């Protein structure tokens, strides 16, 4: 009977290192693209302003969105 402990442990460590490395890579990549700077919240506020600019119908509910 063979022991499958070592392959499963090595696989789990490899998977952990792969996922942690990917998280670090994309985190550093996002800092390079400016997602952590002083203007990082700007897309959110732009989206909220766009929602406020939509016309409303006569019932007061928001008008349906146009397809893209």
Protein backbone atom coordinates (compact mmCIF):
# COMPACT_ATOMS: atom_id res chain seq x y z
CA UNK A 1 0.00 0.00 0.00
CA UNK A 2 1.43 3.39 -0.96
CA UNK A 3 1.36 6.55 1.08
CA UNK A 4 -0.37 9.50 -0.62
CA UNK A 5 0.40 12.00 2.13
CA UNK A 6 3.38 13.66 0.47
CA UNK A 7 1.76 14.33 -2.94
CA UNK A 8 -1.31 15.87 -1.35
CA UNK A 9 0.75 18.03 1.02
CA UNK A 10 3.02 19.20 -1.79
CA UNK A 11 0.01 19.93 -3.97
CA UNK A 12 -1.67 21.98 -1.24
CA UNK A 13 1.51 23.99 -0.61
CA UNK A 14 1.96 24.52 -4.34
CA UNK A 15 -1.64 25.70 -4.67
CA UNK A 16 -1.25 28.07 -1.71
CA UNK A 17 1.95 29.56 -3.16
CA UNK A 18 0.34 29.88 -6.58
CA UNK A 19 -2.73 31.70 -5.22
CA UNK A 20 -0.74 33.92 -2.84
CA UNK A 21 1.68 34.78 -5.64
CA UNK A 22 -1.19 35.66 -7.94
CA UNK A 23 -2.76 37.89 -5.29
CA UNK A 24 0.56 39.69 -4.73
CA UNK A 25 1.15 40.07 -8.47
CA UNK A 26 -2.26 41.61 -9.13
CA UNK A 27 -1.99 43.79 -6.04
CA UNK A 28 1.31 45.24 -7.21
CA UNK A 29 -0.06 45.53 -10.72
CA UNK A 30 -3.06 47.51 -9.49
CA UNK A 31 -0.80 49.96 -7.61
CA UNK A 32 1.12 50.55 -10.84
CA UNK A 33 -2.14 51.30 -12.68
CA UNK A 34 -3.21 53.81 -10.01
CA UNK A 35 -6.03 52.00 -8.21
CA UNK A 36 -4.60 52.89 -4.78
CA UNK A 37 -3.88 56.58 -5.37
CA UNK A 38 -5.72 59.73 -4.35
CA UNK A 39 -8.17 59.40 -7.28
CA UNK A 40 -9.02 55.76 -6.65
CA UNK A 41 -12.67 56.52 -5.77
CA UNK A 42 -13.23 58.70 -8.83
CA UNK A 43 -14.99 56.03 -10.98
CA UNK A 44 -17.52 55.43 -8.19
CA UNK A 45 -18.44 59.09 -7.93
CA UNK A 46 -18.61 59.41 -11.70
CA UNK A 47 -21.04 56.47 -11.81
CA UNK A 48 -23.21 58.02 -9.09
CA UNK A 49 -23.29 61.35 -10.94
CA UNK A 50 -24.35 59.54 -14.12
CA UNK A 51 -27.23 57.92 -12.19
CA UNK A 52 -28.37 61.31 -10.92
CA UNK A 53 -28.38 62.75 -14.45
CA UNK A 54 -30.84 60.17 -15.80
CA UNK A 55 -34.30 61.54 -16.59
CA UNK A 56 -37.23 60.28 -14.54
CA UNK A 57 -40.63 59.26 -15.83
CA UNK A 58 -43.90 60.95 -14.87
CA UNK A 59 -44.42 58.45 -12.03
CA UNK A 60 -41.17 59.50 -10.39
CA UNK A 61 -39.45 56.20 -11.03
CA UNK A 62 -36.21 56.10 -12.95
CA UNK A 63 -36.52 55.77 -16.68
CA UNK A 64 -35.37 52.46 -18.16
CA UNK A 65 -31.78 52.39 -19.32
CA UNK A 66 -30.88 52.42 -22.96
CA UNK A 67 -29.12 49.31 -24.28
CA UNK A 68 -25.41 49.78 -24.92
